[in-house]
Protein backbone atom coordinates (compact mmCIF):
# COMPACT_ATOMS: atom_id res chain seq x y z
CA MET A 1 -14.15 23.34 -6.67
CA ALA A 2 -11.31 25.76 -7.43
CA ASN A 3 -7.77 24.49 -7.62
CA ILE A 4 -5.45 25.07 -4.67
CA LYS A 5 -2.76 27.63 -5.44
CA LEU A 6 -0.08 29.63 -3.69
CA LEU A 7 -1.10 33.20 -2.89
CA PRO A 8 1.04 36.07 -4.21
CA GLU A 9 3.44 37.56 -1.67
CA LEU A 10 1.73 40.98 -1.77
CA LEU A 11 -1.67 39.45 -1.02
CA ILE A 12 -0.17 37.44 1.84
CA ASN A 13 1.23 40.62 3.35
CA GLN A 14 -2.06 42.47 2.87
CA ILE A 15 -3.94 39.69 4.65
CA ALA A 16 -1.41 39.78 7.50
CA ALA A 17 -1.83 43.56 7.69
CA GLY A 18 -5.45 42.99 8.66
CA GLU A 19 -4.26 41.61 12.00
CA VAL A 20 -1.13 43.65 12.56
CA VAL A 21 -2.23 47.02 11.13
CA GLU A 22 -5.83 47.53 12.19
CA ARG A 23 -5.55 51.33 11.95
CA PRO A 24 -2.85 54.05 11.94
CA ALA A 25 -2.31 53.59 15.67
CA SER A 26 -1.37 49.93 15.08
CA ALA A 27 1.30 50.91 12.55
CA LEU A 28 2.61 53.59 14.91
CA LYS A 29 2.89 51.07 17.74
CA GLU A 30 4.95 48.64 15.67
CA ILE A 31 7.32 51.37 14.47
CA LEU A 32 7.84 52.81 17.96
CA GLU A 33 8.61 49.36 19.37
CA ASN A 34 11.27 48.94 16.69
CA CYS A 35 12.75 52.31 17.68
CA ILE A 36 13.01 51.19 21.30
CA ASP A 37 14.58 47.87 20.32
CA ALA A 38 17.15 49.88 18.34
CA ASN A 39 18.36 51.47 21.62
CA SER A 40 17.06 54.92 20.70
CA THR A 41 17.25 57.73 23.27
CA LYS A 42 15.33 60.26 21.18
CA ILE A 43 12.20 59.62 19.11
CA SER A 44 10.22 62.10 17.03
CA ILE A 45 6.70 61.41 15.69
CA GLN A 46 4.83 63.45 13.07
CA LEU A 47 1.27 62.66 11.96
CA THR A 48 -0.93 64.16 9.27
CA GLN A 49 -4.69 63.66 9.24
CA GLY A 50 -4.65 61.37 12.25
CA GLY A 51 -1.93 59.20 10.70
CA ILE A 52 -4.06 58.29 7.67
CA LYS A 53 -2.15 60.61 5.34
CA LEU A 54 1.29 60.36 6.99
CA ILE A 55 3.11 58.72 9.85
CA ARG A 56 6.74 59.79 10.13
CA VAL A 57 8.94 58.43 12.91
CA THR A 58 12.58 59.40 13.40
CA ASP A 59 14.94 57.93 15.99
CA ASN A 60 18.63 58.07 16.86
CA GLY A 61 19.06 54.31 17.28
CA ILE A 62 21.67 51.95 15.88
CA GLY A 63 20.15 52.03 12.40
CA ILE A 64 19.99 49.47 9.58
CA SER A 65 22.88 48.81 7.19
CA LYS A 66 22.48 49.26 3.43
CA ASP A 67 22.54 45.53 2.76
CA GLU A 68 19.73 44.83 5.22
CA LEU A 69 17.25 47.57 4.27
CA ALA A 70 15.37 45.41 1.78
CA LEU A 71 15.56 42.41 4.10
CA ALA A 72 14.00 44.43 6.93
CA LEU A 73 10.91 44.94 4.74
CA SER A 74 10.48 41.25 3.98
CA ARG A 75 8.19 38.92 5.93
CA HIS A 76 9.57 36.81 8.78
CA THR A 77 12.90 38.62 8.97
CA THR A 78 14.11 39.81 12.35
CA SER A 79 17.23 40.44 14.38
CA LYS A 80 15.47 39.63 17.67
CA ILE A 81 15.34 35.80 17.72
CA ASN A 82 17.12 32.87 16.09
CA THR A 83 15.90 29.72 17.84
CA LEU A 84 12.92 28.33 19.75
CA ASP A 85 14.80 28.98 22.98
CA ASP A 86 14.92 32.67 22.06
CA LEU A 87 11.15 32.65 21.51
CA GLU A 88 10.60 31.28 25.00
CA SER A 89 12.53 34.10 26.71
CA ILE A 90 11.88 37.23 24.64
CA GLU A 91 13.25 40.47 26.03
CA SER A 92 12.68 42.71 22.98
CA LEU A 93 9.37 44.33 22.06
CA GLY A 94 9.37 43.09 18.47
CA PHE A 95 10.21 39.56 17.35
CA ARG A 96 7.68 38.27 14.80
CA GLY A 97 9.36 39.89 11.78
CA GLU A 98 6.15 40.80 9.96
CA ALA A 99 5.19 44.33 10.98
CA LEU A 100 7.22 46.33 8.44
CA ALA A 101 6.27 44.00 5.59
CA SER A 102 2.60 44.21 6.50
CA ILE A 103 2.65 48.01 6.75
CA ALA A 104 4.55 48.33 3.47
CA ALA A 105 1.92 46.17 1.73
CA VAL A 106 -0.89 48.64 2.52
CA SER A 107 0.89 52.00 2.17
CA ARG A 108 3.53 53.94 0.30
CA MET A 109 6.59 53.63 2.51
CA SER A 110 10.10 55.00 2.61
CA LEU A 111 12.79 53.67 4.94
CA ALA A 112 16.00 55.65 5.49
CA SER A 113 18.74 54.67 7.92
CA PHE A 114 22.29 55.40 8.93
CA HIS A 115 24.46 52.57 10.25
CA LYS A 116 27.97 52.83 11.60
CA ASP A 117 29.20 50.29 9.01
CA ASN A 118 28.22 52.64 6.14
CA GLN A 119 29.81 55.93 5.20
CA HIS A 120 26.44 57.64 4.80
CA ALA A 121 22.73 56.89 5.07
CA TRP A 122 20.71 54.85 2.56
CA GLN A 123 17.04 54.80 1.64
CA VAL A 124 14.59 52.41 -0.05
CA LEU A 125 11.05 53.07 -1.30
CA VAL A 126 8.18 50.56 -1.26
CA THR A 127 5.04 50.71 -3.42
CA ASP A 128 2.62 47.81 -3.85
CA GLY A 129 5.15 45.50 -2.26
CA ARG A 130 7.95 46.42 -4.70
CA ILE A 131 11.15 47.50 -2.96
CA SER A 132 13.48 49.91 -4.79
CA GLN A 133 17.24 49.67 -4.87
CA PRO A 134 18.97 51.49 -1.99
CA GLU A 135 19.82 55.12 -2.73
CA PRO A 136 22.02 57.53 -0.75
CA THR A 137 20.17 60.04 1.43
CA THR A 138 20.90 62.71 4.03
CA LEU A 139 20.61 61.33 7.55
CA THR A 140 23.26 61.63 10.24
CA ALA A 141 21.98 59.05 12.73
CA GLY A 142 19.29 56.47 13.35
CA THR A 143 16.30 55.68 11.16
CA THR A 144 13.40 57.57 9.59
CA ILE A 145 10.24 55.80 8.37
CA ASN A 146 7.54 57.52 6.31
CA ILE A 147 4.19 55.76 5.97
CA ASN A 148 2.01 57.56 3.42
CA ASP A 149 -1.63 56.99 2.45
CA LEU A 150 -2.43 54.02 4.64
CA TYR A 151 -4.73 51.52 2.88
CA TYR A 152 -4.58 53.50 -0.38
CA ASN A 153 -4.59 50.18 -2.28
CA ILE A 154 -7.38 48.56 -0.24
CA PRO A 155 -10.33 51.00 -0.52
CA ALA A 156 -12.72 48.60 1.20
CA ARG A 157 -10.51 48.59 4.28
CA ARG A 158 -9.82 52.33 4.19
CA LYS A 159 -13.49 53.23 4.34
CA PHE A 160 -13.70 51.52 7.74
CA LEU A 161 -11.25 54.01 9.24
CA LYS A 162 -12.89 56.59 11.50
CA THR A 163 -12.63 60.37 11.43
CA GLU A 164 -9.29 62.14 11.60
CA ALA A 165 -9.93 63.13 15.23
CA THR A 166 -10.78 59.55 16.23
CA GLU A 167 -7.74 58.05 14.51
CA PHE A 168 -5.52 60.70 16.08
CA SER A 169 -6.88 59.91 19.57
CA HIS A 170 -5.95 56.24 19.05
CA CYS A 171 -2.46 57.23 17.91
CA GLU A 172 -2.07 59.54 20.91
CA GLU A 173 -3.07 56.71 23.25
CA ILE A 174 -0.38 54.47 21.73
CA PHE A 175 2.12 57.29 22.17
CA LYS A 176 1.20 57.63 25.86
CA ARG A 177 1.66 53.91 26.47
CA ILE A 178 5.08 53.88 24.82
CA ALA A 179 6.18 57.11 26.53
CA LEU A 180 5.13 55.82 29.95
CA SER A 181 7.07 52.61 29.42
CA ARG A 182 10.36 54.40 28.68
CA SER A 183 10.90 57.51 30.78
CA GLU A 184 14.60 57.47 29.84
CA ILE A 185 13.75 58.30 26.19
CA GLU A 186 13.03 61.82 24.94
CA PHE A 187 9.86 62.03 22.84
CA SER A 188 8.25 64.65 20.64
CA PHE A 189 4.81 64.22 19.09
CA GLN A 190 3.29 66.43 16.39
CA HIS A 191 -0.04 66.37 14.58
CA ASN A 192 -0.73 68.46 11.48
CA GLY A 193 2.38 70.50 12.21
CA LYS A 194 1.40 71.29 15.82
CA THR A 195 3.40 69.92 18.77
CA ARG A 196 1.09 68.01 21.12
CA HIS A 197 3.70 66.55 23.48
CA HIS A 198 7.37 67.10 24.19
CA LEU A 199 8.79 64.87 26.90
CA ASP A 200 12.35 65.23 28.10
CA GLN A 201 14.27 62.34 29.57
CA GLY A 202 13.49 61.95 33.27
CA ASP A 203 12.41 59.62 36.01
CA LEU A 204 9.20 57.61 36.10
CA GLU A 205 7.38 60.02 38.43
CA GLN A 206 8.05 62.94 36.10
CA ARG A 207 6.89 60.97 33.08
CA ILE A 208 3.68 59.83 34.78
CA SER A 209 2.93 63.40 35.81
CA ALA A 210 3.57 64.65 32.26
CA ILE A 211 1.22 62.08 30.72
CA LEU A 212 -1.57 61.78 33.33
CA GLY A 213 -1.28 65.19 34.97
CA ASP A 214 -0.49 66.49 38.43
CA GLU A 215 -3.95 65.61 39.75
CA PHE A 216 -3.27 61.92 39.21
CA LYS A 217 0.15 62.23 40.82
CA GLN A 218 -1.27 63.99 43.89
CA SER A 219 -4.04 61.41 44.22
CA ALA A 220 -1.84 58.33 43.84
CA VAL A 221 0.37 56.23 46.07
CA PHE A 222 3.72 54.73 45.15
CA VAL A 223 3.95 50.98 44.76
CA ASP A 224 7.18 48.99 44.96
CA GLU A 225 7.00 45.38 46.11
CA GLN A 226 9.42 42.60 45.27
CA THR A 227 9.66 38.86 45.81
CA VAL A 228 12.39 36.47 44.74
CA ASP A 229 11.44 36.46 41.05
CA VAL A 230 8.92 39.26 40.48
CA ARG A 231 8.66 42.99 41.16
CA LEU A 232 5.65 45.31 40.95
CA TYR A 233 6.17 49.06 41.03
CA GLY A 234 4.59 52.29 39.80
CA MET A 235 1.69 54.45 41.00
CA ALA A 236 -1.90 53.55 41.87
CA ALA A 237 -4.54 56.24 42.33
CA LEU A 238 -6.66 56.30 45.45
CA PRO A 239 -10.38 55.54 45.03
CA ALA A 240 -11.36 59.22 45.19
CA TYR A 241 -9.65 59.62 41.77
CA SER A 242 -11.67 56.80 40.19
CA GLN A 243 -12.73 57.22 36.56
CA PRO A 244 -15.92 56.43 34.59
CA THR A 245 -13.89 54.36 32.09
CA ARG A 246 -10.75 52.19 32.08
CA LYS A 247 -8.82 54.74 30.04
CA ALA A 248 -6.38 55.66 32.82
CA GLN A 249 -5.19 52.08 33.34
CA TYR A 250 -1.66 51.27 32.22
CA PHE A 251 -0.06 47.95 33.06
CA PHE A 252 3.30 46.86 31.67
CA VAL A 253 5.00 43.49 31.78
CA ASN A 254 8.76 43.72 31.24
CA GLY A 255 8.23 47.12 29.62
CA ARG A 256 5.42 45.99 27.29
CA PHE A 257 1.89 47.39 27.62
CA ILE A 258 -0.56 44.52 28.02
CA ARG A 259 -4.22 43.85 28.71
CA ASP A 260 -4.72 40.64 30.62
CA LYS A 261 -7.85 39.25 32.28
CA LEU A 262 -5.89 37.73 35.15
CA ILE A 263 -4.19 41.02 36.03
CA ALA A 264 -7.39 43.01 35.50
CA HIS A 265 -9.20 40.71 37.93
CA ALA A 266 -6.46 40.99 40.57
CA LEU A 267 -6.55 44.80 40.41
CA ARG A 268 -10.34 44.91 40.43
CA GLN A 269 -10.36 42.72 43.53
CA ALA A 270 -7.77 44.94 45.23
CA TYR A 271 -10.00 47.99 44.70
CA CYS A 272 -13.40 46.36 45.19
CA ASP A 273 -13.49 47.14 48.90
CA VAL A 274 -13.06 50.88 48.39
CA LEU A 275 -14.32 51.66 44.88
CA HIS A 276 -17.63 53.43 44.39
CA LEU A 277 -20.29 51.68 42.32
CA ASN A 278 -19.31 51.38 38.63
CA ARG A 279 -16.19 53.52 38.80
CA HIS A 280 -12.81 52.27 37.60
CA PRO A 281 -9.38 52.62 39.24
CA ALA A 282 -6.48 54.49 37.66
CA PHE A 283 -2.91 53.22 37.75
CA VAL A 284 0.46 53.03 36.02
CA LEU A 285 2.08 49.77 37.10
CA PHE A 286 5.11 47.82 35.95
CA LEU A 287 5.65 44.11 36.48
CA GLU A 288 9.14 42.74 36.06
CA THR A 289 9.62 38.99 35.88
CA ASP A 290 11.78 36.37 34.20
CA PRO A 291 10.91 36.41 30.46
CA LYS A 292 10.64 32.62 30.62
CA GLU A 293 7.68 32.98 33.00
CA VAL A 294 5.53 34.85 30.48
CA ASP A 295 4.44 33.94 26.94
CA ILE A 296 3.93 37.01 24.75
CA ASN A 297 3.57 35.06 21.50
CA VAL A 298 -0.21 34.79 21.88
CA HIS A 299 -1.49 37.30 19.32
CA PRO A 300 0.16 39.34 16.53
CA THR A 301 -0.62 42.60 18.36
CA LYS A 302 1.42 41.32 21.35
CA THR A 303 -0.90 42.91 23.95
CA GLU A 304 -2.11 39.53 25.25
CA VAL A 305 0.12 37.32 27.38
CA ARG A 306 0.04 34.08 29.33
CA PHE A 307 1.75 33.51 32.67
CA ARG A 308 3.32 30.27 33.84
CA ASN A 309 2.34 30.78 37.50
CA SER A 310 -0.84 32.76 37.00
CA ARG A 311 -2.43 32.05 40.39
CA THR A 312 0.65 33.07 42.36
CA LEU A 313 1.02 36.23 40.29
CA HIS A 314 -2.66 37.09 40.81
CA GLN A 315 -2.26 36.87 44.57
CA PHE A 316 0.96 38.89 44.53
CA ILE A 317 -0.63 41.75 42.58
CA TYR A 318 -3.81 41.67 44.65
CA HIS A 319 -2.06 41.73 48.03
CA THR A 320 0.46 44.40 46.96
CA ILE A 321 -2.18 46.88 45.79
CA ASN A 322 -4.60 46.00 48.58
CA LYS A 323 -1.89 46.68 51.17
CA ARG A 324 -0.96 50.05 49.64
CA LEU A 325 -4.57 51.17 49.54
CA ALA A 326 -4.98 50.14 53.18
CA SER A 327 -2.06 52.29 54.38
CA PRO A 328 -1.37 54.85 51.66
CA SER A 329 1.03 57.28 53.36
CA ARG A 330 3.93 58.54 51.26
CA SER A 331 7.31 60.01 52.12
CA THR A 332 6.42 63.21 50.27
CA GLU A 333 3.39 63.69 52.51
CA ILE A 334 5.45 63.16 55.64
CA ARG A 335 7.92 65.78 54.43
CA GLU A 336 5.07 68.16 53.71
CA LEU A 337 3.67 67.68 57.21
CA HIS A 338 6.90 68.99 58.72
CA GLN A 339 7.36 71.94 56.37
CA SER A 340 7.31 75.42 57.84
CA GLU A 341 4.13 77.46 57.34
CA PRO A 342 5.54 79.77 54.61
CA GLU A 343 6.75 76.73 52.66
CA ARG A 344 3.39 75.00 52.95
CA LYS A 345 1.45 77.99 51.66
CA ASN A 346 3.24 77.65 48.34
CA THR A 347 2.38 73.98 47.93
CA TYR A 348 -1.36 73.86 48.42
CA PRO A 349 -3.48 73.46 45.29
CA SER A 350 -6.58 75.58 44.86
CA TYR A 351 -9.11 73.00 46.06
CA PRO A 352 -9.75 71.03 49.27
CA GLN A 353 -7.46 68.06 49.70
CA GLN A 354 -7.98 64.60 51.08
CA ASN A 355 -4.48 63.64 52.10
CA LYS A 356 -3.79 60.03 53.02
CA LEU A 357 -4.15 58.70 56.52
CA PRO A 358 -0.98 56.85 57.58
CA PHE A 359 -2.23 53.69 59.25
CA ASN A 360 -1.88 53.87 63.07
CA ALA A 361 -0.89 57.50 62.56
CA ALA A 362 -1.71 59.24 65.79
CA THR A 363 -2.09 58.90 69.52
CA GLN A 364 -4.04 61.45 71.51
CA PRO A 365 -1.83 63.77 73.62
CA SER A 366 -3.99 64.00 76.72
CA SER A 367 -2.56 67.23 78.21
CA PHE A 368 -3.04 69.13 74.96
CA TYR A 369 -6.58 67.76 74.73
CA GLN A 370 -7.36 69.11 78.20
CA THR A 371 -5.91 72.52 77.38
CA LEU A 372 -7.76 72.83 74.07
CA PHE A 373 -11.18 71.72 75.24
CA LYS A 374 -11.00 72.57 78.98
CA THR A 375 -12.11 69.05 79.87
CA ASN A 376 -10.90 66.48 82.37
CA THR A 377 -10.35 63.29 80.38
CA GLN A 378 -9.87 61.26 83.55
CA THR A 379 -13.35 61.87 84.98
CA GLN A 380 -15.51 62.72 81.96
CA PRO A 381 -17.30 59.68 80.50
CA THR A 382 -16.92 58.76 76.83
CA PRO A 383 -20.39 58.00 75.42
CA LEU A 384 -18.95 56.94 72.08
CA ALA A 385 -17.56 53.85 73.81
CA ASP A 386 -20.97 52.38 73.00
CA PHE A 387 -20.12 52.71 69.34
CA PHE A 388 -16.51 51.57 69.87
CA PRO A 389 -16.68 48.91 72.59
CA ASP A 390 -12.97 48.14 72.40
CA THR A 391 -11.86 51.78 72.88
CA GLN A 392 -9.25 51.86 75.65
CA THR A 393 -9.43 54.08 78.73
CA LYS A 394 -7.29 57.20 78.32
CA PRO A 395 -3.94 57.12 80.13
CA GLN A 396 -3.20 59.02 83.33
CA PRO A 397 -1.57 62.47 82.97
CA ARG A 398 2.16 62.37 82.36
CA ILE A 399 4.93 64.54 80.93
CA ILE A 400 4.32 65.07 77.17
CA THR A 401 7.31 65.34 74.84
CA ASN A 402 7.60 68.02 72.15
CA GLU A 403 6.91 65.40 69.48
CA GLU A 404 3.70 64.36 71.21
CA GLN A 405 2.53 67.98 71.47
CA LYS A 406 1.93 68.01 67.72
CA LEU A 407 -1.68 67.63 66.69
CA PRO A 408 -2.74 64.28 65.23
CA LEU A 409 -3.26 64.18 61.47
CA LEU A 410 -7.01 64.79 61.78
CA GLY A 411 -6.53 67.23 64.66
CA PHE A 412 -9.19 67.82 67.32
CA ALA A 413 -12.89 68.44 66.90
CA LEU A 414 -14.40 71.92 66.96
CA GLY A 415 -18.04 70.94 66.50
CA GLN A 416 -20.68 69.53 64.15
CA LEU A 417 -22.15 71.05 61.01
CA CYS A 418 -25.83 70.36 60.28
CA GLY A 419 -25.59 67.13 62.24
CA ILE A 420 -23.71 65.58 59.30
CA TYR A 421 -20.09 66.77 59.34
CA ILE A 422 -17.47 66.99 62.05
CA LEU A 423 -15.29 70.10 61.87
CA ALA A 424 -11.80 69.71 63.28
CA GLN A 425 -8.56 71.67 63.41
CA ASN A 426 -5.09 70.29 62.74
CA GLU A 427 -1.67 71.88 62.22
CA ARG A 428 -2.48 72.77 58.62
CA GLY A 429 -6.03 74.03 58.72
CA LEU A 430 -9.62 72.82 58.76
CA ILE A 431 -10.67 69.15 58.57
CA ILE A 432 -14.20 68.23 57.45
CA VAL A 433 -15.32 64.66 58.19
CA ASP A 434 -18.46 62.89 56.97
CA MET A 435 -19.18 61.19 60.27
CA HIS A 436 -21.52 58.49 58.89
CA ALA A 437 -19.14 57.52 56.07
CA ALA A 438 -16.14 57.47 58.43
CA HIS A 439 -17.88 55.44 61.12
CA GLU A 440 -19.25 53.04 58.52
CA ARG A 441 -15.69 52.26 57.38
CA ILE A 442 -14.52 51.79 60.98
CA VAL A 443 -17.33 49.36 61.82
CA TYR A 444 -16.85 47.53 58.53
CA GLU A 445 -13.13 46.95 59.14
CA LYS A 446 -13.84 45.76 62.69
CA LEU A 447 -16.43 43.29 61.39
CA LYS A 448 -14.03 41.96 58.76
CA THR A 449 -11.28 41.45 61.32
CA ALA A 450 -13.62 39.79 63.80
CA LEU A 451 -15.09 37.44 61.17
CA ASN A 452 -11.62 36.53 59.89
CA ASN A 453 -10.50 35.71 63.43
CA LYS A 454 -13.84 34.09 64.31
CA THR A 455 -14.16 36.49 67.24
CA ILE A 456 -17.43 38.30 66.58
CA THR A 457 -18.67 39.12 70.07
CA THR A 458 -22.38 38.56 70.67
CA GLN A 459 -24.57 40.84 72.79
CA SER A 460 -27.61 39.13 74.31
CA LEU A 461 -30.64 41.39 74.33
CA LEU A 462 -32.12 42.09 77.74
CA ILE A 463 -35.54 42.06 76.12
CA PRO A 464 -35.62 39.86 73.00
CA ILE A 465 -37.24 41.44 69.96
CA THR A 466 -40.10 39.73 68.13
CA PHE A 467 -41.48 40.83 64.76
CA GLN A 468 -43.75 39.62 61.99
CA ALA A 469 -41.85 37.92 59.17
CA ASP A 470 -42.84 36.39 55.88
CA SER A 471 -42.42 32.71 55.11
CA LEU A 472 -39.17 33.27 53.17
CA ASP A 473 -37.51 34.87 56.20
CA ILE A 474 -38.73 32.05 58.45
CA ILE A 475 -37.27 29.42 56.11
CA THR A 476 -33.99 31.36 55.76
CA VAL A 477 -33.54 31.42 59.55
CA GLU A 478 -34.34 27.73 59.95
CA GLU A 479 -31.96 26.67 57.17
CA ASN A 480 -29.06 29.01 58.01
CA ASN A 481 -28.74 29.04 61.79
CA ASN A 482 -25.06 28.12 61.62
CA THR A 483 -24.28 31.02 59.26
CA LEU A 484 -26.24 33.48 61.40
CA SER A 485 -24.37 32.27 64.48
CA LYS A 486 -21.01 32.88 62.80
CA LEU A 487 -22.17 36.42 62.05
CA GLY A 488 -23.08 36.98 65.72
CA PHE A 489 -26.87 36.63 65.53
CA GLU A 490 -29.16 34.42 67.58
CA ILE A 491 -32.51 34.26 65.79
CA ALA A 492 -35.30 31.67 65.96
CA ALA A 493 -38.83 31.15 64.68
CA LEU A 494 -41.56 31.47 67.32
CA SER A 495 -44.32 30.59 64.88
CA PRO A 496 -44.85 30.33 61.12
CA THR A 497 -45.13 34.15 61.02
CA VAL A 498 -42.99 35.43 63.92
CA LEU A 499 -39.21 35.62 64.44
CA ILE A 500 -37.43 36.38 67.71
CA ILE A 501 -34.02 38.05 67.95
CA ARG A 502 -32.18 37.08 71.14
CA ALA A 503 -28.65 38.33 70.36
CA VAL A 504 -26.79 40.52 67.87
CA PRO A 505 -23.09 41.36 67.30
CA VAL A 506 -22.02 43.73 70.06
CA ILE A 507 -20.64 46.24 67.56
CA LEU A 508 -24.09 46.45 65.93
CA GLN A 509 -26.12 46.75 69.11
CA HIS A 510 -27.22 50.32 68.33
CA ALA A 511 -28.51 49.53 64.85
CA ASP A 512 -32.19 49.27 63.89
CA THR A 513 -32.22 45.60 64.86
CA VAL A 514 -35.27 44.44 62.89
CA LYS A 515 -34.24 46.20 59.69
CA LEU A 516 -30.67 44.93 60.10
CA VAL A 517 -31.84 41.33 60.49
CA CYS A 518 -34.21 41.60 57.53
CA ASP A 519 -31.41 42.87 55.28
CA VAL A 520 -29.01 40.14 56.46
CA LEU A 521 -31.65 37.46 55.77
CA LYS A 522 -32.26 38.95 52.33
CA GLU A 523 -28.54 38.77 51.47
CA ILE A 524 -28.29 35.17 52.68
CA ARG A 525 -31.37 34.23 50.68
CA GLU A 526 -30.11 35.96 47.54
CA PHE A 527 -26.53 34.69 47.52
CA GLY A 528 -26.66 31.55 49.64
CA ALA A 529 -25.00 30.82 52.96
CA SER A 530 -21.69 29.69 51.50
CA GLN A 531 -21.28 32.78 49.31
CA VAL A 532 -22.12 35.34 52.00
CA LEU A 533 -19.22 33.95 54.01
CA THR A 534 -16.86 33.88 51.00
CA GLU A 535 -17.29 35.81 47.72
CA LYS A 536 -20.16 38.02 48.95
CA ARG A 537 -18.86 38.38 52.49
CA ASN A 538 -17.74 41.99 52.12
CA GLU A 539 -21.06 43.06 50.62
CA LEU A 540 -22.88 41.57 53.59
CA LEU A 541 -20.53 43.13 56.16
CA SER A 542 -20.87 46.46 54.38
CA THR A 543 -24.63 46.25 54.75
CA MET A 544 -24.29 45.42 58.43
CA ALA A 545 -21.82 48.28 59.01
CA CYS A 546 -24.10 50.79 57.31
CA HIS A 547 -26.90 49.92 59.76
CA SER A 548 -24.66 50.52 62.77
CA ALA A 549 -22.88 53.71 61.71
CA VAL A 550 -23.84 57.00 63.32
CA ARG A 551 -26.59 58.71 61.34
CA ALA A 552 -27.16 62.26 60.18
CA ASN A 553 -28.56 64.45 62.98
CA ASN A 554 -27.06 62.10 65.57
CA LEU A 555 -25.56 64.80 67.78
CA LEU A 556 -22.15 63.96 69.24
CA ASP A 557 -20.28 65.78 71.97
CA ILE A 558 -16.66 66.86 71.62
CA THR A 559 -15.34 63.73 73.32
CA GLU A 560 -17.30 61.49 70.97
CA MET A 561 -16.13 63.39 67.90
CA ASN A 562 -12.49 63.10 68.95
CA ALA A 563 -12.91 59.39 69.64
CA LEU A 564 -14.18 59.02 66.07
CA LEU A 565 -11.19 60.97 64.67
CA ARG A 566 -8.73 58.83 66.63
CA GLU A 567 -10.44 55.64 65.39
CA MET A 568 -10.14 56.89 61.81
CA GLU A 569 -6.39 57.37 62.24
CA THR A 570 -5.98 53.75 63.33
CA THR A 571 -8.33 52.14 60.80
CA GLU A 572 -7.21 50.76 57.46
CA ARG A 573 -8.77 52.36 54.37
CA ALA A 574 -10.33 55.11 56.48
CA ASP A 575 -9.95 57.60 53.61
CA GLN A 576 -13.02 56.12 51.89
CA CYS A 577 -16.31 54.67 53.02
CA ASN A 578 -17.33 51.16 51.98
CA HIS A 579 -18.66 52.50 48.67
CA GLY A 580 -15.54 54.44 47.69
CA ARG A 581 -16.69 57.93 48.67
CA PRO A 582 -14.19 60.13 50.56
CA THR A 583 -14.67 60.33 54.32
CA TRP A 584 -12.77 63.58 54.93
CA TYR A 585 -11.22 66.63 53.33
CA GLU A 586 -8.71 69.22 54.43
CA ILE A 587 -8.80 72.94 53.64
CA SER A 588 -5.47 74.58 54.36
CA LEU A 589 -5.01 77.89 56.16
CA ALA A 590 -3.54 79.20 52.92
CA GLU A 591 -6.79 78.41 51.13
CA LEU A 592 -8.88 79.95 53.88
CA ASP A 593 -6.72 83.10 53.73
CA LYS A 594 -7.29 83.16 50.00
CA MET A 595 -11.07 82.92 50.41
CA PHE A 596 -11.12 85.90 52.77
CA MET A 597 -8.41 87.80 50.81
CA ARG A 598 -6.21 88.08 53.86
CA GLY A 599 -2.87 89.75 53.18
CA LYS A 600 -4.21 91.68 50.18
């Protein structure tokens, strides 16, 4: 057995670099965090060959004095903390005091800085862990770090680096995270002499738009919720903007980008009711909390954290995002709605839009309805009341104010297209509604509310329905009568091979009853009675709603179509069906004019 011995300092730093400096992007992250901690307002980044050949970062921060340059490149030296109490309430991005030493151990580094206590700037060079004596250099403010030939002295590690393009993409992602976290800082980012990004100082909305693009901004809602000791703010994209990967997900805790399973779960749960299949939500969110409530000293990369009150925080994030997705109107949209027509024509993008339905947005102005459709709403029946049993009778004619004369957000129906889409007209143009998807969401939300309030109304069948069932369905009914009753069904076994359906939920009375019951029994059998009323409840209710929603080629009259539009305007999450697909789009008059080249 070999004798125990103390490792050389250079080897210790090279081992540490394996955790801290996984690739050029890791080194860039550590340097940029130091720039922010130095109160910089302007940061410039230059890369060569994806950061493998060169990483140069220049800032205008407070700088490092001549006497501390060598110390800054030593392990476990930092200006961020002094005691254990400091470690338990960290407000800076850096604090471990090992990043610069680790980077210097696996590269050729130069560090130049100007500090107010010195008459001019000073520079040190580092090669193989040896730090030169400080020398004067030309620098008028801040600090410049050059990292050359990363892993030049560890060939085995260098060969594991990817292509230049891959390493650059990782560096660019780090840049985006840092730039999003500090909109008050001006950034420039170059690669191989070409400017890839230049970001001026601005507000958060401008910075998000610059990094993620205008499409994200137009498809997102603002979030800003605060309790006594925590605040969540930023922008969360609506489900229609969902992505195939998690790439467009940025979450910051006290200004630090983090990836946390607790937060990821809360956000996934908030979107699960509206997200389509295996798509992923997009968001830029910031959580501010007391530094003592979060432990960031979990891993050297500092992207993992632990929260003191994790369960409370999970619920706060979930309910905040869930609420915004349920009623996603924004002040900018309300302003746009009241713009004059010439102003609006300049704002429409060149593709159909699904704006956001303000929850409880519209009431139907009865006199305008009569004028538009030449119908008498007081005497004409409303067949769609069968689909919406709680729809109220329309009010008696009265004097309508100017405000009420405005069309509702989804306007009034013009007709059906191919038995699938409802075409409607509002103040801004043409509305196209997928009637099955929209009605499915309406029924689904009604079922959720009724089940939550234990008020699912049962409709007894005038003629009970009997059908042949296999033994598994028979057993499922016999063992889960209580669960079926809570869901609004009355089902019993007539024989070892026959089931009888005596009652169904009133809102589902027009569904294919036998198929509906078979699917409900299948879900109960697959997940168990307890889960279908808890974790798998929404999946079951979604299945039930799909059976009851109006189908393609189900012809509706004008009154029925307008009843559906009004229900959409008063239903949470009506912008998407239960699977995350959009339920409606708007094509502006400006776009229609463009299609037909009017005015040219």
